[in-house]
Amino acid sequence: MKLIITGATGNVGVEVVRQALLLPSITSLVTLARKPVSVPEDIPAASSSKLKSIVVKDYLTYSEEVKKEFTDADGCIWYAS
């Protein structure tokens, strides 16, 4: 399953990313945030390879390259404060 998470640098977002990386059913995790998203320290290397961090400045406008990352996504968790 491919999952997209936005707002992944806040307290809630970081925990959602951590939990998603630990789930074997999630095979690909794309994060959108205004700054890079890091893999939490307690995540095994095999799980950390599932993460792709995309930095966006404007949540209303996406480049074609970013839009391609949305292809085949099975779900999205949109978190914004």
C-alpha atoms as a PDB file:
ATOM      1  CA  MET A   1       0.000   0.000   0.000  1.00  0.00           C
ATOM      2  CA  LYS A   2       1.239   3.468  -0.905  1.00  0.00           C
ATOM      3  CA  LEU A   3       0.377   6.176   1.629  1.00  0.00           C
ATOM      4  CA  ILE A   4       0.790   9.958   1.412  1.00  0.00           C
ATOM      5  CA  ILE A   5       1.124  12.013   4.604  1.00  0.00           C
ATOM      6  CA  THR A   6       1.058  15.804   4.634  1.00  0.00           C
ATOM      7  CA  GLY A   7       2.135  17.966   7.542  1.00  0.00           C
ATOM      8  CA  ALA A   8       4.538  15.235   8.573  1.00  0.00           C
ATOM      9  CA  THR A   9       6.915  17.384  10.639  1.00  0.00           C
ATOM     10  CA  GLY A  10       4.600  18.297  13.511  1.00  0.00           C
ATOM     11  CA  ASN A  11       4.187  16.220  16.679  1.00  0.00           C
ATOM     12  CA  VAL A  12       1.236  14.260  15.324  1.00  0.00           C
ATOM     13  CA  GLY A  13       2.728  13.922  11.839  1.00  0.00           C
ATOM     14  CA  VAL A  14       6.025  12.527  13.137  1.00  0.00           C
ATOM     15  CA  GLU A  15       4.199   9.809  15.060  1.00  0.00           C
ATOM     16  CA  VAL A  16       1.987   8.946  12.088  1.00  0.00           C
ATOM     17  CA  VAL A  17       5.124   8.590   9.932  1.00  0.00           C
ATOM     18  CA  ARG A  18       6.742   6.370  12.566  1.00  0.00           C
ATOM     19  CA  GLN A  19       3.709   4.110  12.802  1.00  0.00           C
ATOM     20  CA  ALA A  20       3.328   3.929   9.016  1.00  0.00           C
ATOM     21  CA  LEU A  21       6.963   2.923   8.555  1.00  0.00           C
ATOM     22  CA  LEU A  22       6.528   0.087  11.040  1.00  0.00           C
ATOM     23  CA  LEU A  23       3.480  -1.372   9.262  1.00  0.00           C
ATOM     24  CA  PRO A  24       4.487  -4.126   6.798  1.00  0.00           C
ATOM     25  CA  SER A  25       1.340  -3.470   4.741  1.00  0.00           C
ATOM     26  CA  ILE A  26       2.617   0.019   3.858  1.00  0.00           C
ATOM     27  CA  THR A  27       5.208  -0.496   1.158  1.00  0.00           C
ATOM     28  CA  SER A  28       5.700   3.137   0.136  1.00  0.00           C
ATOM     29  CA  LEU A  29       5.352   6.315   2.188  1.00  0.00           C
ATOM     30  CA  VAL A  30       5.428   9.766   0.593  1.00  0.00           C
ATOM     31  CA  THR A  31       5.538  12.756   2.934  1.00  0.00           C
ATOM     32  CA  LEU A  32       4.774  16.349   1.995  1.00  0.00           C
ATOM     33  CA  ALA A  33       6.014  19.077   4.284  1.00  0.00           C
ATOM     34  CA  ARG A  34       7.583  22.517   4.238  1.00  0.00           C
ATOM     35  CA  LYS A  35      10.856  21.031   5.459  1.00  0.00           C
ATOM     36  CA  PRO A  36      12.459  17.593   4.954  1.00  0.00           C
ATOM     37  CA  VAL A  37      11.018  14.680   6.919  1.00  0.00           C
ATOM     38  CA  SER A  38      13.574  12.455   8.623  1.00  0.00           C
ATOM     39  CA  VAL A  39      13.202   8.817   9.540  1.00  0.00           C
ATOM     40  CA  PRO A  40      12.741   8.460  13.305  1.00  0.00           C
ATOM     41  CA  GLU A  41      15.815   6.977  15.011  1.00  0.00           C
ATOM     42  CA  ASP A  42      14.040   3.838  16.238  1.00  0.00           C
ATOM     43  CA  ILE A  43      12.998   2.697  12.749  1.00  0.00           C
ATOM     44  CA  PRO A  44      14.888  -0.288  11.267  1.00  0.00           C
ATOM     45  CA  ALA A  45      16.849   0.415   8.077  1.00  0.00           C
ATOM     46  CA  ALA A  46      14.658  -1.920   6.016  1.00  0.00           C
ATOM     47  CA  SER A  47      11.553   0.088   6.922  1.00  0.00           C
ATOM     48  CA  SER A  48      13.238   3.458   6.472  1.00  0.00           C
ATOM     49  CA  SER A  49      13.779   2.764   2.766  1.00  0.00           C
ATOM     50  CA  LYS A  50      10.002   3.101   2.249  1.00  0.00           C
ATOM     51  CA  LEU A  51      10.080   6.861   2.948  1.00  0.00           C
ATOM     52  CA  LYS A  52      10.251   9.556   0.290  1.00  0.00           C
ATOM     53  CA  SER A  53      10.249  13.102   1.661  1.00  0.00           C
ATOM     54  CA  ILE A  54       9.018  15.885  -0.611  1.00  0.00           C
ATOM     55  CA  VAL A  55       9.414  19.526   0.386  1.00  0.00           C
ATOM     56  CA  VAL A  56       6.628  21.835  -0.809  1.00  0.00           C
ATOM     57  CA  LYS A  57       6.347  25.561  -0.280  1.00  0.00           C
ATOM     58  CA  ASP A  58       2.716  25.887  -1.324  1.00  0.00           C
ATOM     59  CA  TYR A  59       0.104  23.221  -0.635  1.00  0.00           C
ATOM     60  CA  LEU A  60      -2.092  24.679  -3.395  1.00  0.00           C
ATOM     61  CA  THR A  61       0.412  24.297  -6.239  1.00  0.00           C
ATOM     62  CA  TYR A  62       2.359  21.141  -7.146  1.00  0.00           C
ATOM     63  CA  SER A  63       4.914  20.570  -9.876  1.00  0.00           C
ATOM     64  CA  GLU A  64       4.362  17.757 -12.372  1.00  0.00           C
ATOM     65  CA  GLU A  65       7.192  15.858 -10.646  1.00  0.00           C
ATOM     66  CA  VAL A  66       5.386  16.025  -7.301  1.00  0.00           C
ATOM     67  CA  LYS A  67       2.064  15.065  -8.893  1.00  0.00           C
ATOM     68  CA  LYS A  68       3.718  11.909 -10.258  1.00  0.00           C
ATOM     69  CA  GLU A  69       4.469  10.883  -6.678  1.00  0.00           C
ATOM     70  CA  PHE A  70       0.707  10.790  -6.021  1.00  0.00           C
ATOM     71  CA  THR A  71       0.198   8.151  -8.712  1.00  0.00           C
ATOM     72  CA  ASP A  72      -1.125   4.832  -7.440  1.00  0.00           C
ATOM     73  CA  ALA A  73      -1.505   6.092  -3.863  1.00  0.00           C
ATOM     74  CA  ASP A  74      -3.956   4.026  -1.845  1.00  0.00           C
ATOM     75  CA  GLY A  75      -4.528   6.622   0.852  1.00  0.00           C
ATOM     76  CA  CYS A  76      -3.683  10.068   2.157  1.00  0.00           C
ATOM     77  CA  ILE A  77      -3.543  11.467   5.665  1.00  0.00           C
ATOM     78  CA  TRP A  78      -3.816  15.235   5.422  1.00  0.00           C
ATOM     79  CA  TYR A  79      -2.703  16.945   8.603  1.00  0.00           C
ATOM     80  CA  ALA A  80      -2.313  20.691   8.821  1.00  0.00           C
ATOM     81  CA  SER A  81      -2.331  22.889  11.849  1.00  0.00           C
END
